[in-house]
Structures are given as C-alpha cells and as structure tokens.
Amino acid sequence: MLPLSLLKTAQGHPMLVELKNGETYNGHLMNCDTWMNICLGEVICTSKDGDRFWRMSECYVRGNTIKFLRVPDEVIDKVQEEEAKRWTGMFNLNVLDYGLLSSCEILRIYDAALLCCPLSVICLSRA
C-alpha cells in the first residue's frame, strides 16, 4: 500500500497527525499533495506536553514535519480493496466471480508469487 494512495482515499475522513516536534493534530483530511503536505479541517491541536489545546477551522501541515498518521481501519480496508481490484484488472483475473477468494487474499497471493514465479504461472483465470 502506497502512502499517497492511502491519503487520497482518506480524504474526508478523520485522522490524527503527529509531528516530529510532538504536537498532534486531530481533524478531517481535506486535501493532500504528492509531498504529503496535508490540509485538515475542524482541527484540535494538542501541545507536546498534552496540557494545551487549540481549536482551528483549518490547518496546513507540511509533509516533511510529519512523524506519523493514524487513519480509521475502514480507510485502510478500502485502499486494500481498491489495490486488489487494480491487480485483478491488470492480470485479467476472474477468481472473484467464483467467490473463491477475497480480493485481499488475491493480492497477498500475487505479492508472494511475484517474488518466486514467472508471470505465466500465477495468472489465474477461467479455463
């Protein structure tokens, strides 16, 4: 999963951003760019010590100051589903039609198979 695809999918969802200086920002992701600069809305900022709080309507965070991001599990699941669909489209897989495997399971199979098998061996399609 690529960080930028995660951020693009997380737009409109709540997230926590911790900066390298220890401050945290809780808000809804409004926008992001290729440098991971993000714009949050409805933000509550917490100081490093946790003893001061600020409320802001909007906040811009430069990407190189971010230590980590926390997004809801539903966003991560959605990104995994989208990546699995992209992979199945790239390899023309029809396993999902049979209901044999979930798209996330297919993606895991491909991640493992691409390391040790030629492409022709791992293409699963209808006979």
Protein backbone atom coordinates (compact mmCIF):
# COMPACT_ATOMS: atom_id res chain seq x y z
CA MET A 1 0.00 0.00 0.00
CA LEU A 2 1.44 3.34 -1.03
CA PRO A 3 1.17 6.25 1.40
CA LEU A 4 -0.23 8.63 -1.21
CA SER A 5 -2.98 6.22 -2.25
CA LEU A 6 -3.88 5.91 1.43
CA LEU A 7 -4.03 9.69 1.81
CA LYS A 8 -6.12 10.14 -1.33
CA THR A 9 -8.60 7.55 -0.06
CA ALA A 10 -8.64 9.13 3.42
CA GLN A 11 -9.89 12.50 2.15
CA GLY A 12 -12.96 13.49 4.13
CA HIS A 13 -12.20 11.05 6.94
CA PRO A 14 -10.91 11.86 10.43
CA MET A 15 -7.22 11.37 11.11
CA LEU A 16 -4.58 12.01 13.72
CA VAL A 17 -1.27 13.58 12.67
CA GLU A 18 1.71 13.62 14.99
CA LEU A 19 4.56 15.94 14.10
CA LYS A 20 8.25 15.39 14.74
CA ASN A 21 8.12 18.09 17.44
CA GLY A 22 5.48 16.08 19.39
CA GLU A 23 2.38 18.16 18.61
CA THR A 24 -0.72 16.27 17.48
CA TYR A 25 -3.48 17.41 15.15
CA ASN A 26 -6.88 15.71 15.04
CA GLY A 27 -9.13 16.65 12.15
CA HIS A 28 -10.69 15.66 8.84
CA LEU A 29 -8.38 15.37 5.86
CA MET A 30 -9.43 17.95 3.28
CA ASN A 31 -6.61 17.66 0.76
CA CYS A 32 -3.08 16.33 0.22
CA ASP A 33 -0.39 16.59 -2.43
CA THR A 34 2.49 14.46 -3.70
CA TRP A 35 4.84 15.77 -0.97
CA MET A 36 2.39 14.61 1.73
CA ASN A 37 1.54 18.21 2.61
CA ILE A 38 -1.94 17.95 4.07
CA CYS A 39 -4.80 20.29 4.84
CA LEU A 40 -7.02 19.37 7.78
CA GLY A 41 -10.41 20.79 8.71
CA GLU A 42 -12.14 21.02 12.10
CA VAL A 43 -8.80 20.61 13.86
CA ILE A 44 -7.91 20.20 17.51
CA CYS A 45 -4.20 20.71 18.14
CA THR A 46 -2.58 19.30 21.28
CA SER A 47 0.77 20.52 22.58
CA LYS A 48 3.70 18.15 23.06
CA ASP A 49 3.06 18.01 26.81
CA GLY A 50 -0.68 17.46 26.35
CA ASP A 51 -1.57 20.37 28.62
CA ARG A 52 -2.65 22.91 25.94
CA PHE A 53 -5.31 22.59 23.24
CA TRP A 54 -6.27 24.77 20.28
CA ARG A 55 -9.28 24.57 18.01
CA MET A 56 -8.85 25.66 14.38
CA SER A 57 -11.23 25.60 11.44
CA GLU A 58 -8.39 24.67 9.04
CA CYS A 59 -4.75 23.74 9.30
CA TYR A 60 -1.96 23.16 6.77
CA VAL A 61 0.77 20.66 7.72
CA ARG A 62 3.98 20.41 5.73
CA GLY A 63 4.75 16.81 4.79
CA ASN A 64 8.36 16.74 5.98
CA THR A 65 7.28 17.62 9.55
CA ILE A 66 5.00 14.58 9.90
CA LYS A 67 6.13 11.78 12.19
CA PHE A 68 3.12 9.50 11.65
CA LEU A 69 -0.54 9.45 10.63
CA ARG A 70 -3.38 7.45 12.11
CA VAL A 71 -6.39 6.78 9.89
CA PRO A 72 -9.53 4.71 10.54
CA ASP A 73 -9.38 0.99 9.75
CA GLU A 74 -12.20 1.40 7.22
CA VAL A 75 -9.92 3.61 5.09
CA ILE A 76 -7.13 1.02 5.13
CA ASP A 77 -9.61 -1.71 4.17
CA LYS A 78 -10.92 0.43 1.33
CA VAL A 79 -7.38 1.03 -0.02
CA GLN A 80 -6.61 -2.70 0.11
CA GLU A 81 -9.81 -3.46 -1.80
CA GLU A 82 -9.00 -0.85 -4.46
CA GLU A 83 -5.45 -2.18 -4.89
CA ALA A 84 -6.72 -5.74 -5.16
CA LYS A 85 -9.22 -4.68 -7.82
CA ARG A 86 -6.46 -2.90 -9.71
CA TRP A 87 -4.29 -6.03 -9.56
CA THR A 88 -7.10 -8.31 -10.69
CA GLY A 89 -7.76 -5.96 -13.60
CA MET A 90 -4.09 -5.89 -14.58
CA PHE A 91 -3.86 -9.67 -14.72
CA ASN A 92 -7.42 -10.26 -16.01
CA LEU A 93 -8.35 -12.44 -13.03
CA ASN A 94 -11.84 -13.81 -12.71
CA VAL A 95 -11.43 -15.59 -9.37
CA LEU A 96 -13.72 -13.04 -7.68
CA ASP A 97 -16.57 -14.10 -9.98
CA TYR A 98 -16.44 -17.54 -8.45
CA GLY A 99 -16.36 -16.23 -4.89
CA LEU A 100 -13.35 -18.43 -4.13
CA LEU A 101 -11.08 -15.75 -2.71
CA SER A 102 -11.46 -12.22 -1.46
CA SER A 103 -9.63 -9.53 -3.38
CA CYS A 104 -7.25 -9.00 -0.44
CA GLU A 105 -6.35 -12.70 -0.48
CA ILE A 106 -5.62 -12.50 -4.20
CA LEU A 107 -3.34 -9.52 -3.62
CA ARG A 108 -1.43 -11.47 -0.97
CA ILE A 109 -1.08 -14.42 -3.37
CA TYR A 110 0.31 -12.12 -6.04
CA ASP A 111 2.72 -10.40 -3.67
CA ALA A 112 4.16 -13.79 -2.72
CA ALA A 113 4.03 -15.29 -6.20
CA LEU A 114 5.71 -12.41 -7.97
CA LEU A 115 8.77 -12.99 -5.85
CA CYS A 116 9.32 -16.59 -6.94
CA CYS A 117 7.23 -17.44 -10.03
CA PRO A 118 7.16 -16.27 -13.62
CA LEU A 119 4.06 -14.29 -14.51
CA SER A 120 2.62 -17.05 -16.71
CA VAL A 121 2.50 -19.45 -13.73
CA ILE A 122 0.45 -17.20 -11.45
CA CYS A 123 -2.21 -15.93 -13.89
CA LEU A 124 -5.46 -17.37 -12.55
CA SER A 125 -8.35 -17.06 -14.97
CA ARG A 126 -11.33 -19.02 -16.21
CA ALA A 127 -10.46 -22.06 -18.27
